[in-house]
Amino acid sequence: MLNAICGDLAAGLSWHGQRLTKDDWRHMVAGTMLGWRLIPAIDLGQGAPDHIMLGGSSLKLTKSLACDAITVLVQIGDHPEEQGMRTRPIRWSDTVLLGLGFNHHDLPERWNAAA
């Protein structure tokens, strides 16, 4: 479910002008849920290295944290303006809608009503 939501977000939303991949979305939400660590970046001999932020793997999310991550991502997709983005809400895939509890018989009606 988390992977499908991240895929829909990657296909339909730019994060503050940055196009993120499905993996980017998953890494961002996992880091948000598990916490971030700021560490020095690798020095490649091109001047002083900067810092990078490391999060955790989505595989390390507990069931409770995964549910929270799904809730956060759906909220972002449904209300991107709450994150300061001026864009339309995500049009969720059937996979996500079914995972959220929509009845598969209602899906064609939903798409026709939205058009």
PDB file of N, CA and C in Angstrom:
ATOM      1  N   MET A   1       0.824  -1.182   0.000  1.00  0.00           N
ATOM      2  CA  MET A   1       0.000   0.000   0.000  1.00  0.00           C
ATOM      3  C   MET A   1       0.881   1.264   0.000  1.00  0.00           C
ATOM      4  N   LEU A   2       1.881   1.285   0.866  1.00  0.00           N
ATOM      5  CA  LEU A   2       2.782   2.432   0.941  1.00  0.00           C
ATOM      6  C   LEU A   2       3.470   2.653  -0.404  1.00  0.00           C
ATOM      7  N   ASN A   3       3.902   1.578  -1.038  1.00  0.00           N
ATOM      8  CA  ASN A   3       4.580   1.666  -2.328  1.00  0.00           C
ATOM      9  C   ASN A   3       3.648   2.225  -3.404  1.00  0.00           C
ATOM     10  N   ALA A   4       2.398   1.785  -3.411  1.00  0.00           N
ATOM     11  CA  ALA A   4       1.425   2.271  -4.399  1.00  0.00           C
ATOM     12  C   ALA A   4       1.138   3.753  -4.203  1.00  0.00           C
ATOM     13  N   ILE A   5       1.012   4.182  -2.960  1.00  0.00           N
ATOM     14  CA  ILE A   5       0.776   5.600  -2.674  1.00  0.00           C
ATOM     15  C   ILE A   5       1.971   6.427  -3.138  1.00  0.00           C
ATOM     16  N   CYS A   6       3.174   5.963  -2.833  1.00  0.00           N
ATOM     17  CA  CYS A   6       4.382   6.683  -3.269  1.00  0.00           C
ATOM     18  C   CYS A   6       4.458   6.756  -4.789  1.00  0.00           C
ATOM     19  N   GLY A   7       4.035   5.699  -5.477  1.00  0.00           N
ATOM     20  CA  GLY A   7       4.007   5.697  -6.932  1.00  0.00           C
ATOM     21  C   GLY A   7       3.033   6.725  -7.486  1.00  0.00           C
ATOM     22  N   ASP A   8       1.857   6.813  -6.877  1.00  0.00           N
ATOM     23  CA  ASP A   8       0.875   7.804  -7.314  1.00  0.00           C
ATOM     24  C   ASP A   8       1.384   9.220  -7.075  1.00  0.00           C
ATOM     25  N   LEU A   9       2.016   9.442  -5.927  1.00  0.00           N
ATOM     26  CA  LEU A   9       2.564  10.769  -5.644  1.00  0.00           C
ATOM     27  C   LEU A   9       3.676  11.117  -6.640  1.00  0.00           C
ATOM     28  N   ALA A  10       4.525  10.160  -6.952  1.00  0.00           N
ATOM     29  CA  ALA A  10       5.614  10.398  -7.905  1.00  0.00           C
ATOM     30  C   ALA A  10       5.065  10.749  -9.284  1.00  0.00           C
ATOM     31  N   ALA A  11       3.979  10.110  -9.662  1.00  0.00           N
ATOM     32  CA  ALA A  11       3.400  10.338 -10.988  1.00  0.00           C
ATOM     33  C   ALA A  11       2.632  11.653 -11.075  1.00  0.00           C
ATOM     34  N   GLY A  12       2.138  12.141  -9.945  1.00  0.00           N
ATOM     35  CA  GLY A  12       1.226  13.270 -10.037  1.00  0.00           C
ATOM     36  C   GLY A  12       1.551  14.508  -9.250  1.00  0.00           C
ATOM     37  N   LEU A  13       2.674  14.539  -8.537  1.00  0.00           N
ATOM     38  CA  LEU A  13       2.937  15.684  -7.669  1.00  0.00           C
ATOM     39  C   LEU A  13       4.418  16.030  -7.673  1.00  0.00           C
ATOM     40  N   SER A  14       4.713  17.297  -7.772  1.00  0.00           N
ATOM     41  CA  SER A  14       6.087  17.787  -7.591  1.00  0.00           C
ATOM     42  C   SER A  14       6.192  18.331  -6.173  1.00  0.00           C
ATOM     43  N   TRP A  15       7.213  17.919  -5.478  1.00  0.00           N
ATOM     44  CA  TRP A  15       7.434  18.375  -4.103  1.00  0.00           C
ATOM     45  C   TRP A  15       8.193  19.691  -4.163  1.00  0.00           C
ATOM     46  N   HIS A  16       7.467  20.784  -4.018  1.00  0.00           N
ATOM     47  CA  HIS A  16       8.057  22.123  -4.054  1.00  0.00           C
ATOM     48  C   HIS A  16       8.955  22.313  -5.284  1.00  0.00           C
ATOM     49  N   GLY A  17       8.434  21.888  -6.433  1.00  0.00           N
ATOM     50  CA  GLY A  17       9.157  22.049  -7.689  1.00  0.00           C
ATOM     51  C   GLY A  17      10.118  20.926  -8.020  1.00  0.00           C
ATOM     52  N   GLN A  18      10.290  19.988  -7.114  1.00  0.00           N
ATOM     53  CA  GLN A  18      11.197  18.852  -7.337  1.00  0.00           C
ATOM     54  C   GLN A  18      10.370  17.613  -7.676  1.00  0.00           C
ATOM     55  N   ARG A  19      10.681  16.993  -8.801  1.00  0.00           N
ATOM     56  CA  ARG A  19      10.003  15.752  -9.166  1.00  0.00           C
ATOM     57  C   ARG A  19      10.693  14.619  -8.425  1.00  0.00           C
ATOM     58  N   LEU A  20       9.967  13.935  -7.565  1.00  0.00           N
ATOM     59  CA  LEU A  20      10.516  12.827  -6.786  1.00  0.00           C
ATOM     60  C   LEU A  20      10.090  11.498  -7.393  1.00  0.00           C
ATOM     61  N   THR A  21      10.954  10.505  -7.291  1.00  0.00           N
ATOM     62  CA  THR A  21      10.603   9.160  -7.725  1.00  0.00           C
ATOM     63  C   THR A  21       9.801   8.478  -6.609  1.00  0.00           C
ATOM     64  N   LYS A  22       9.260   7.326  -6.950  1.00  0.00           N
ATOM     65  CA  LYS A  22       8.547   6.536  -5.938  1.00  0.00           C
ATOM     66  C   LYS A  22       9.482   6.233  -4.765  1.00  0.00           C
ATOM     67  N   ASP A  23      10.735   5.885  -5.060  1.00  0.00           N
ATOM     68  CA  ASP A  23      11.702   5.610  -3.995  1.00  0.00           C
ATOM     69  C   ASP A  23      11.999   6.858  -3.180  1.00  0.00           C
ATOM     70  N   ASP A  24      12.097   8.016  -3.830  1.00  0.00           N
ATOM     71  CA  ASP A  24      12.325   9.271  -3.104  1.00  0.00           C
ATOM     72  C   ASP A  24      11.208   9.517  -2.092  1.00  0.00           C
ATOM     73  N   TRP A  25       9.966   9.337  -2.527  1.00  0.00           N
ATOM     74  CA  TRP A  25       8.834   9.539  -1.617  1.00  0.00           C
ATOM     75  C   TRP A  25       8.906   8.565  -0.439  1.00  0.00           C
ATOM     76  N   ARG A  26       9.228   7.315  -0.744  1.00  0.00           N
ATOM     77  CA  ARG A  26       9.307   6.304   0.316  1.00  0.00           C
ATOM     78  C   ARG A  26      10.430   6.636   1.296  1.00  0.00           C
ATOM     79  N   HIS A  27      11.575   7.068   0.781  1.00  0.00           N
ATOM     80  CA  HIS A  27      12.692   7.443   1.657  1.00  0.00           C
ATOM     81  C   HIS A  27      12.339   8.669   2.494  1.00  0.00           C
ATOM     82  N   MET A  28      11.659   9.639   1.866  1.00  0.00           N
ATOM     83  CA  MET A  28      11.302  10.849   2.604  1.00  0.00           C
ATOM     84  C   MET A  28      10.334  10.540   3.751  1.00  0.00           C
ATOM     85  N   VAL A  29       9.327   9.726   3.481  1.00  0.00           N
ATOM     86  CA  VAL A  29       8.362   9.436   4.541  1.00  0.00           C
ATOM     87  C   VAL A  29       8.976   8.531   5.608  1.00  0.00           C
ATOM     88  N   ALA A  30       9.840   7.597   5.213  1.00  0.00           N
ATOM     89  CA  ALA A  30      10.496   6.736   6.205  1.00  0.00           C
ATOM     90  C   ALA A  30      11.394   7.577   7.109  1.00  0.00           C
ATOM     91  N   GLY A  31      12.163   8.491   6.525  1.00  0.00           N
ATOM     92  CA  GLY A  31      13.005   9.366   7.339  1.00  0.00           C
ATOM     93  C   GLY A  31      12.183  10.244   8.262  1.00  0.00           C
ATOM     94  N   THR A  32      11.043  10.709   7.758  1.00  0.00           N
ATOM     95  CA  THR A  32      10.164  11.542   8.574  1.00  0.00           C
ATOM     96  C   THR A  32       9.612  10.750   9.754  1.00  0.00           C
ATOM     97  N   MET A  33       9.225   9.523   9.510  1.00  0.00           N
ATOM     98  CA  MET A  33       8.636   8.689  10.570  1.00  0.00           C
ATOM     99  C   MET A  33       9.683   8.163  11.548  1.00  0.00           C
ATOM    100  N   LEU A  34      10.856   7.794  11.026  1.00  0.00           N
ATOM    101  CA  LEU A  34      11.878   7.166  11.872  1.00  0.00           C
ATOM    102  C   LEU A  34      12.894   8.154  12.437  1.00  0.00           C
ATOM    103  N   GLY A  35      12.919   9.345  11.879  1.00  0.00           N
ATOM    104  CA  GLY A  35      13.875  10.351  12.333  1.00  0.00           C
ATOM    105  C   GLY A  35      15.044  10.461  11.367  1.00  0.00           C
ATOM    106  N   TRP A  36      15.625  11.611  11.343  1.00  0.00           N
ATOM    107  CA  TRP A  36      16.737  11.922  10.450  1.00  0.00           C
ATOM    108  C   TRP A  36      18.025  12.051  11.239  1.00  0.00           C
ATOM    109  N   ARG A  37      19.143  11.765  10.578  1.00  0.00           N
ATOM    110  CA  ARG A  37      20.463  11.993  11.158  1.00  0.00           C
ATOM    111  C   ARG A  37      21.247  12.857  10.186  1.00  0.00           C
ATOM    112  N   LEU A  38      21.811  13.943  10.670  1.00  0.00           N
ATOM    113  CA  LEU A  38      22.637  14.824   9.860  1.00  0.00           C
ATOM    114  C   LEU A  38      24.091  14.414  10.046  1.00  0.00           C
ATOM    115  N   ILE A  39      24.752  14.063   8.932  1.00  0.00           N
ATOM    116  CA  ILE A  39      26.139  13.618   9.007  1.00  0.00           C
ATOM    117  C   ILE A  39      26.967  14.334   7.944  1.00  0.00           C
ATOM    118  N   PRO A  40      28.286  14.422   8.141  1.00  0.00           N
ATOM    119  CA  PRO A  40      29.134  15.013   7.102  1.00  0.00           C
ATOM    120  C   PRO A  40      29.095  14.160   5.830  1.00  0.00           C
ATOM    121  N   ALA A  41      29.089  14.838   4.690  1.00  0.00           N
ATOM    122  CA  ALA A  41      29.097  14.132   3.407  1.00  0.00           C
ATOM    123  C   ALA A  41      30.507  13.634   3.106  1.00  0.00           C
ATOM    124  N   ILE A  42      30.633  12.811   2.107  1.00  0.00           N
ATOM    125  CA  ILE A  42      31.930  12.289   1.669  1.00  0.00           C
ATOM    126  C   ILE A  42      32.728  13.417   1.035  1.00  0.00           C
ATOM    127  N   ASP A  43      33.998  13.510   1.391  1.00  0.00           N
ATOM    128  CA  ASP A  43      34.888  14.519   0.820  1.00  0.00           C
ATOM    129  C   ASP A  43      35.495  13.947  -0.455  1.00  0.00           C
ATOM    130  N   LEU A  44      35.146  14.541  -1.583  1.00  0.00           N
ATOM    131  CA  LEU A  44      35.679  14.090  -2.871  1.00  0.00           C
ATOM    132  C   LEU A  44      36.827  14.965  -3.341  1.00  0.00           C
ATOM    133  N   GLY A  45      37.375  15.781  -2.425  1.00  0.00           N
ATOM    134  CA  GLY A  45      38.502  16.630  -2.761  1.00  0.00           C
ATOM    135  C   GLY A  45      38.130  17.851  -3.594  1.00  0.00           C
ATOM    136  N   GLN A  46      36.869  18.232  -3.559  1.00  0.00           N
ATOM    137  CA  GLN A  46      36.401  19.386  -4.338  1.00  0.00           C
ATOM    138  C   GLN A  46      35.971  20.517  -3.414  1.00  0.00           C
ATOM    139  N   GLY A  47      36.675  20.697  -2.344  1.00  0.00           N
ATOM    140  CA  GLY A  47      36.294  21.702  -1.361  1.00  0.00           C
ATOM    141  C   GLY A  47      35.715  21.037  -0.134  1.00  0.00           C
ATOM    142  N   ALA A  48      35.320  21.846   0.788  1.00  0.00           N
ATOM    143  CA  ALA A  48      34.786  21.317   2.042  1.00  0.00           C
ATOM    144  C   ALA A  48      33.498  20.533   1.784  1.00  0.00           C
ATOM    145  N   PRO A  49      33.410  19.308   2.317  1.00  0.00           N
ATOM    146  CA  PRO A  49      32.178  18.544   2.132  1.00  0.00           C
ATOM    147  C   PRO A  49      31.039  19.170   2.927  1.00  0.00           C
ATOM    148  N   ASP A  50      29.861  19.030   2.397  1.00  0.00           N
ATOM    149  CA  ASP A  50      28.673  19.526   3.072  1.00  0.00           C
ATOM    150  C   ASP A  50      28.152  18.435   4.006  1.00  0.00           C
ATOM    151  N   HIS A  51      26.916  18.515   4.348  1.00  0.00           N
ATOM    152  CA  HIS A  51      26.277  17.500   5.178  1.00  0.00           C
ATOM    153  C   HIS A  51      25.122  16.883   4.407  1.00  0.00           C
ATOM    154  N   ILE A  52      24.778  15.667   4.766  1.00  0.00           N
ATOM    155  CA  ILE A  52      23.615  15.001   4.203  1.00  0.00           C
ATOM    156  C   ILE A  52      22.753  14.499   5.353  1.00  0.00           C
ATOM    157  N   MET A  53      21.495  14.262   5.028  1.00  0.00           N
ATOM    158  CA  MET A  53      20.581  13.713   6.029  1.00  0.00           C
ATOM    159  C   MET A  53      20.271  12.270   5.668  1.00  0.00           C
ATOM    160  N   LEU A  54      20.377  11.417   6.632  1.00  0.00           N
ATOM    161  CA  LEU A  54      20.038  10.007   6.455  1.00  0.00           C
ATOM    162  C   LEU A  54      18.765   9.712   7.229  1.00  0.00           C
ATOM    163  N   GLY A  55      17.886   8.980   6.591  1.00  0.00           N
ATOM    164  CA  GLY A  55      16.678   8.515   7.261  1.00  0.00           C
ATOM    165  C   GLY A  55      16.785   7.015   7.438  1.00  0.00           C
ATOM    166  N   GLY A  56      15.668   6.392   7.647  1.00  0.00           N
ATOM    167  CA  GLY A  56      15.660   4.950   7.784  1.00  0.00           C
ATOM    168  C   GLY A  56      14.979   4.303   6.595  1.00  0.00           C
ATOM    169  N   SER A  57      14.993   3.003   6.566  1.00  0.00           N
ATOM    170  CA  SER A  57      14.340   2.245   5.511  1.00  0.00           C
ATOM    171  C   SER A  57      12.862   2.066   5.842  1.00  0.00           C
ATOM    172  N   SER A  58      12.021   2.109   4.814  1.00  0.00           N
ATOM    173  CA  SER A  58      10.595   1.874   5.044  1.00  0.00           C
ATOM    174  C   SER A  58      10.357   0.451   5.567  1.00  0.00           C
ATOM    175  N   LEU A  59      11.316  -0.444   5.340  1.00  0.00           N
ATOM    176  CA  LEU A  59      11.192  -1.801   5.866  1.00  0.00           C
ATOM    177  C   LEU A  59      11.278  -1.835   7.394  1.00  0.00           C
ATOM    178  N   LYS A  60      11.836  -0.778   7.981  1.00  0.00           N
ATOM    179  CA  LYS A  60      11.983  -0.707   9.442  1.00  0.00           C
ATOM    180  C   LYS A  60      10.755  -0.099  10.122  1.00  0.00           C
ATOM    181  N   LEU A  61       9.767   0.351   9.327  1.00  0.00           N
ATOM    182  CA  LEU A  61       8.569   0.941   9.922  1.00  0.00           C
ATOM    183  C   LEU A  61       7.756  -0.140  10.633  1.00  0.00           C
ATOM    184  N   THR A  62       7.350   0.142  11.850  1.00  0.00           N
ATOM    185  CA  THR A  62       6.420  -0.755  12.547  1.00  0.00           C
ATOM    186  C   THR A  62       5.058  -0.630  11.855  1.00  0.00           C
ATOM    187  N   LYS A  63       4.144  -1.506  12.174  1.00  0.00           N
ATOM    188  CA  LYS A  63       2.805  -1.428  11.590  1.00  0.00           C
ATOM    189  C   LYS A  63       2.169  -0.079  11.908  1.00  0.00           C
ATOM    190  N   SER A  64       2.339   0.361  13.130  1.00  0.00           N
ATOM    191  CA  SER A  64       1.773   1.645  13.541  1.00  0.00           C
ATOM    192  C   SER A  64       2.394   2.810  12.770  1.00  0.00           C
ATOM    193  N   LEU A  65       3.727   2.802  12.632  1.00  0.00           N
ATOM    194  CA  LEU A  65       4.392   3.874  11.886  1.00  0.00           C
ATOM    195  C   LEU A  65       4.046   3.820  10.405  1.00  0.00           C
ATOM    196  N   ALA A  66       3.891   2.612   9.859  1.00  0.00           N
ATOM    197  CA  ALA A  66       3.499   2.486   8.453  1.00  0.00           C
ATOM    198  C   ALA A  66       2.097   3.062   8.241  1.00  0.00           C
ATOM    199  N   CYS A  67       1.197   2.800   9.179  1.00  0.00           N
ATOM    200  CA  CYS A  67      -0.151   3.387   9.096  1.00  0.00           C
ATOM    201  C   CYS A  67      -0.079   4.908   9.166  1.00  0.00           C
ATOM    202  N   ASP A  68       0.751   5.421  10.062  1.00  0.00           N
ATOM    203  CA  ASP A  68       0.930   6.877  10.160  1.00  0.00           C
ATOM    204  C   ASP A  68       1.520   7.439   8.872  1.00  0.00           C
ATOM    205  N   ALA A  69       2.482   6.731   8.289  1.00  0.00           N
ATOM    206  CA  ALA A  69       3.105   7.185   7.035  1.00  0.00           C
ATOM    207  C   ALA A  69       2.070   7.234   5.918  1.00  0.00           C
ATOM    208  N   ILE A  70       1.242   6.213   5.834  1.00  0.00           N
ATOM    209  CA  ILE A  70       0.186   6.186   4.819  1.00  0.00           C
ATOM    210  C   ILE A  70      -0.767   7.352   5.016  1.00  0.00           C
ATOM    211  N   THR A  71      -1.151   7.605   6.255  1.00  0.00           N
ATOM    212  CA  THR A  71      -2.045   8.727   6.553  1.00  0.00           C
ATOM    213  C   THR A  71      -1.428  10.053   6.137  1.00  0.00           C
ATOM    214  N   VAL A  72      -0.149  10.244   6.454  1.00  0.00           N
ATOM    215  CA  VAL A  72       0.550  11.486   6.097  1.00  0.00           C
ATOM    216  C   VAL A  72       0.602  11.650   4.579  1.00  0.00           C
ATOM    217  N   LEU A  73       0.956  10.593   3.862  1.00  0.00           N
ATOM    218  CA  LEU A  73       1.073  10.679   2.410  1.00  0.00           C
ATOM    219  C   LEU A  73      -0.275  10.913   1.734  1.00  0.00           C
ATOM    220  N   VAL A  74      -1.321  10.268   2.212  1.00  0.00           N
ATOM    221  CA  VAL A  74      -2.654  10.496   1.640  1.00  0.00           C
ATOM    222  C   VAL A  74      -3.083  11.941   1.895  1.00  0.00           C
ATOM    223  N   GLN A  75      -2.782  12.450   3.074  1.00  0.00           N
ATOM    224  CA  GLN A  75      -3.109  13.840   3.389  1.00  0.00           C
ATOM    225  C   GLN A  75      -2.375  14.798   2.448  1.00  0.00           C
ATOM    226  N   ILE A  76      -1.097  14.517   2.192  1.00  0.00           N
ATOM    227  CA  ILE A  76      -0.325  15.346   1.253  1.00  0.00           C
ATOM    228  C   ILE A  76      -0.947  15.274  -0.137  1.00  0.00           C
ATOM    229  N   GLY A  77      -1.296  14.075  -0.578  1.00  0.00           N
ATOM    230  CA  GLY A  77      -1.886  13.917  -1.904  1.00  0.00           C
ATOM    231  C   GLY A  77      -3.249  14.567  -2.041  1.00  0.00           C
ATOM    232  N   ASP A  78      -4.050  14.487  -0.987  1.00  0.00           N
ATOM    233  CA  ASP A  78      -5.391  15.073  -1.024  1.00  0.00           C
ATOM    234  C   ASP A  78      -5.386  16.583  -0.801  1.00  0.00           C
ATOM    235  N   HIS A  79      -4.404  17.080  -0.050  1.00  0.00           N
ATOM    236  CA  HIS A  79      -4.365  18.504   0.307  1.00  0.00           C
ATOM    237  C   HIS A  79      -2.945  19.058   0.170  1.00  0.00           C
ATOM    238  N   PRO A  80      -2.399  19.096  -1.048  1.00  0.00           N
ATOM    239  CA  PRO A  80      -1.024  19.572  -1.226  1.00  0.00           C
ATOM    240  C   PRO A  80      -0.823  21.019  -0.771  1.00  0.00           C
ATOM    241  N   GLU A  81      -1.878  21.794  -0.763  1.00  0.00           N
ATOM    242  CA  GLU A  81      -1.765  23.198  -0.323  1.00  0.00           C
ATOM    243  C   GLU A  81      -1.352  23.302   1.144  1.00  0.00           C
ATOM    244  N   GLU A  82      -1.631  22.284   1.941  1.00  0.00           N
ATOM    245  CA  GLU A  82      -1.233  22.299   3.351  1.00  0.00           C
ATOM    246  C   GLU A  82       0.286  22.218   3.512  1.00  0.00           C
ATOM    247  N   GLN A  83       0.968  21.768   2.457  1.00  0.00           N
ATOM    248  CA  GLN A  83       2.431  21.706   2.461  1.00  0.00           C
ATOM    249  C   GLN A  83       3.024  22.853   1.643  1.00  0.00           C
ATOM    250  N   GLY A  84       2.200  23.839   1.327  1.00  0.00           N
ATOM    251  CA  GLY A  84       2.675  25.028   0.612  1.00  0.00           C
ATOM    252  C   GLY A  84       2.801  24.843  -0.889  1.00  0.00           C
ATOM    253  N   MET A  85       2.153  23.811  -1.439  1.00  0.00           N
ATOM    254  CA  MET A  85       2.241  23.569  -2.878  1.00  0.00           C
ATOM    255  C   MET A  85       0.934  23.972  -3.547  1.00  0.00           C
ATOM    256  N   ARG A  86       1.061  24.675  -4.652  1.00  0.00           N
ATOM    257  CA  ARG A  86      -0.123  25.096  -5.402  1.00  0.00           C
ATOM    258  C   ARG A  86      -0.313  24.143  -6.577  1.00  0.00           C
ATOM    259  N   THR A  87      -1.016  23.081  -6.318  1.00  0.00           N
ATOM    260  CA  THR A  87      -1.286  22.067  -7.332  1.00  0.00           C
ATOM    261  C   THR A  87      -2.586  21.358  -6.980  1.00  0.00           C
ATOM    262  N   ARG A  88      -3.109  20.637  -7.929  1.00  0.00           N
ATOM    263  CA  ARG A  88      -4.339  19.886  -7.685  1.00  0.00           C
ATOM    264  C   ARG A  88      -4.053  18.632  -6.866  1.00  0.00           C
ATOM    265  N   PRO A  89      -5.057  18.157  -6.152  1.00  0.00           N
ATOM    266  CA  PRO A  89      -4.892  16.894  -5.425  1.00  0.00           C
ATOM    267  C   PRO A  89      -4.582  15.735  -6.377  1.00  0.00           C
ATOM    268  N   ILE A  90      -4.000  14.715  -5.816  1.00  0.00           N
ATOM    269  CA  ILE A  90      -3.648  13.505  -6.572  1.00  0.00           C
ATOM    270  C   ILE A  90      -4.916  12.765  -6.989  1.00  0.00           C
ATOM    271  N   ARG A  91      -4.861  12.204  -8.167  1.00  0.00           N
ATOM    272  CA  ARG A  91      -5.914  11.294  -8.614  1.00  0.00           C
ATOM    273  C   ARG A  91      -5.398   9.891  -8.325  1.00  0.00           C
ATOM    274  N   TRP A  92      -5.854   9.318  -7.227  1.00  0.00           N
ATOM    275  CA  TRP A  92      -5.329   8.039  -6.744  1.00  0.00           C
ATOM    276  C   TRP A  92      -5.665   6.903  -7.698  1.00  0.00           C
ATOM    277  N   SER A  93      -4.744   5.955  -7.790  1.00  0.00           N
ATOM    278  CA  SER A  93      -4.959   4.749  -8.604  1.00  0.00           C
ATOM    279  C   SER A  93      -5.998   3.855  -7.941  1.00  0.00           C
ATOM    280  N   ASP A  94      -6.564   2.954  -8.734  1.00  0.00           N
ATOM    281  CA  ASP A  94      -7.528   1.995  -8.188  1.00  0.00           C
ATOM    282  C   ASP A  94      -6.899   1.175  -7.068  1.00  0.00           C
ATOM    283  N   THR A  95      -5.621   0.831  -7.202  1.00  0.00           N
ATOM    284  CA  THR A  95      -4.929   0.042  -6.179  1.00  0.00           C
ATOM    285  C   THR A  95      -4.965   0.762  -4.837  1.00  0.00           C
ATOM    286  N   VAL A  96      -4.656   2.057  -4.854  1.00  0.00           N
ATOM    287  CA  VAL A  96      -4.655   2.841  -3.611  1.00  0.00           C
ATOM    288  C   VAL A  96      -6.076   2.957  -3.077  1.00  0.00           C
ATOM    289  N   LEU A  97      -7.023   3.272  -3.951  1.00  0.00           N
ATOM    290  CA  LEU A  97      -8.412   3.434  -3.495  1.00  0.00           C
ATOM    291  C   LEU A  97      -8.955   2.142  -2.886  1.00  0.00           C
ATOM    292  N   LEU A  98      -8.657   1.016  -3.512  1.00  0.00           N
ATOM    293  CA  LEU A  98      -9.094  -0.263  -2.939  1.00  0.00           C
ATOM    294  C   LEU A  98      -8.424  -0.496  -1.587  1.00  0.00           C
ATOM    295  N   GLY A  99      -7.135  -0.155  -1.479  1.00  0.00           N
ATOM    296  CA  GLY A  99      -6.423  -0.295  -0.212  1.00  0.00           C
ATOM    297  C   GLY A  99      -6.973   0.598   0.878  1.00  0.00           C
ATOM    298  N   LEU A 100      -7.545   1.727   0.469  1.00  0.00           N
ATOM    299  CA  LEU A 100      -8.145   2.655   1.430  1.00  0.00           C
ATOM    300  C   LEU A 100      -9.572   2.269   1.797  1.00  0.00           C
ATOM    301  N   GLY A 101     -10.071   1.198   1.175  1.00  0.00           N
ATOM    302  CA  GLY A 101     -11.381   0.683   1.556  1.00  0.00           C
ATOM    303  C   GLY A 101     -12.517   1.021   0.611  1.00  0.00           C
ATOM    304  N   PHE A 102     -12.214   1.643  -0.530  1.00  0.00           N
ATOM    305  CA  PHE A 102     -13.275   1.890  -1.497  1.00  0.00           C
ATOM    306  C   PHE A 102     -13.708   0.575  -2.116  1.00  0.00           C
ATOM    307  N   ASN A 103     -14.978   0.458  -2.433  1.00  0.00           N
ATOM    308  CA  ASN A 103     -15.519  -0.722  -3.086  1.00  0.00           C
ATOM    309  C   ASN A 103     -15.188  -0.653  -4.567  1.00  0.00           C
ATOM    310  N   HIS A 104     -14.710  -1.753  -5.143  1.00  0.00           N
ATOM    311  CA  HIS A 104     -14.313  -1.735  -6.557  1.00  0.00           C
ATOM    312  C   HIS A 104     -15.477  -1.419  -7.485  1.00  0.00           C
ATOM    313  N   HIS A 105     -16.714  -1.661  -7.056  1.00  0.00           N
ATOM    314  CA  HIS A 105     -17.876  -1.327  -7.873  1.00  0.00           C
ATOM    315  C   HIS A 105     -18.104   0.182  -7.921  1.00  0.00           C
ATOM    316  N   ASP A 106     -17.593   0.906  -6.921  1.00  0.00           N
ATOM    317  CA  ASP A 106     -17.770   2.356  -6.879  1.00  0.00           C
ATOM    318  C   ASP A 106     -16.730   3.110  -7.697  1.00  0.00           C
ATOM    319  N   LEU A 107     -15.633   2.448  -8.051  1.00  0.00           N
ATOM    320  CA  LEU A 107     -14.532   3.158  -8.708  1.00  0.00           C
ATOM    321  C   LEU A 107     -14.908   3.754 -10.060  1.00  0.00           C
ATOM    322  N   PRO A 108     -15.553   3.014 -10.963  1.00  0.00           N
ATOM    323  CA  PRO A 108     -15.901   3.654 -12.235  1.00  0.00           C
ATOM    324  C   PRO A 108     -16.804   4.872 -12.032  1.00  0.00           C
ATOM    325  N   GLU A 109     -17.745   4.796 -11.094  1.00  0.00           N
ATOM    326  CA  GLU A 109     -18.622   5.937 -10.812  1.00  0.00           C
ATOM    327  C   GLU A 109     -17.811   7.117 -10.292  1.00  0.00           C
ATOM    328  N   ARG A 110     -16.812   6.841  -9.469  1.00  0.00           N
ATOM    329  CA  ARG A 110     -15.980   7.913  -8.909  1.00  0.00           C
ATOM    330  C   ARG A 110     -15.249   8.641 -10.024  1.00  0.00           C
ATOM    331  N   TRP A 111     -14.652   7.872 -10.954  1.00  0.00           N
ATOM    332  CA  TRP A 111     -13.889   8.506 -12.033  1.00  0.00           C
ATOM    333  C   TRP A 111     -14.810   9.282 -12.962  1.00  0.00           C
ATOM    334  N   ASN A 112     -15.980   8.741 -13.242  1.00  0.00           N
ATOM    335  CA  ASN A 112     -16.917   9.446 -14.122  1.00  0.00           C
ATOM    336  C   ASN A 112     -17.431  10.722 -13.461  1.00  0.00           C
ATOM    337  N   ALA A 113     -17.658  10.678 -12.147  1.00  0.00           N
ATOM    338  CA  ALA A 113     -18.141  11.867 -11.430  1.00  0.00           C
ATOM    339  C   ALA A 113     -17.086  12.947 -11.385  1.00  0.00           C
ATOM    340  N   ALA A 114     -15.813  12.558 -11.333  1.00  0.00           N
ATOM    341  CA  ALA A 114     -14.723  13.539 -11.247  1.00  0.00           C
ATOM    342  C   ALA A 114     -14.430  14.181 -12.588  1.00  0.00           C
ATOM    343  N   ALA A 115     -14.804  13.530 -13.664  1.00  0.00           N
ATOM    344  CA  ALA A 115     -14.474  14.049 -15.017  1.00  0.00           C
ATOM    345  C   ALA A 115     -15.362  15.207 -15.419  1.00  0.00           C
TER     346      ALA A 115
END
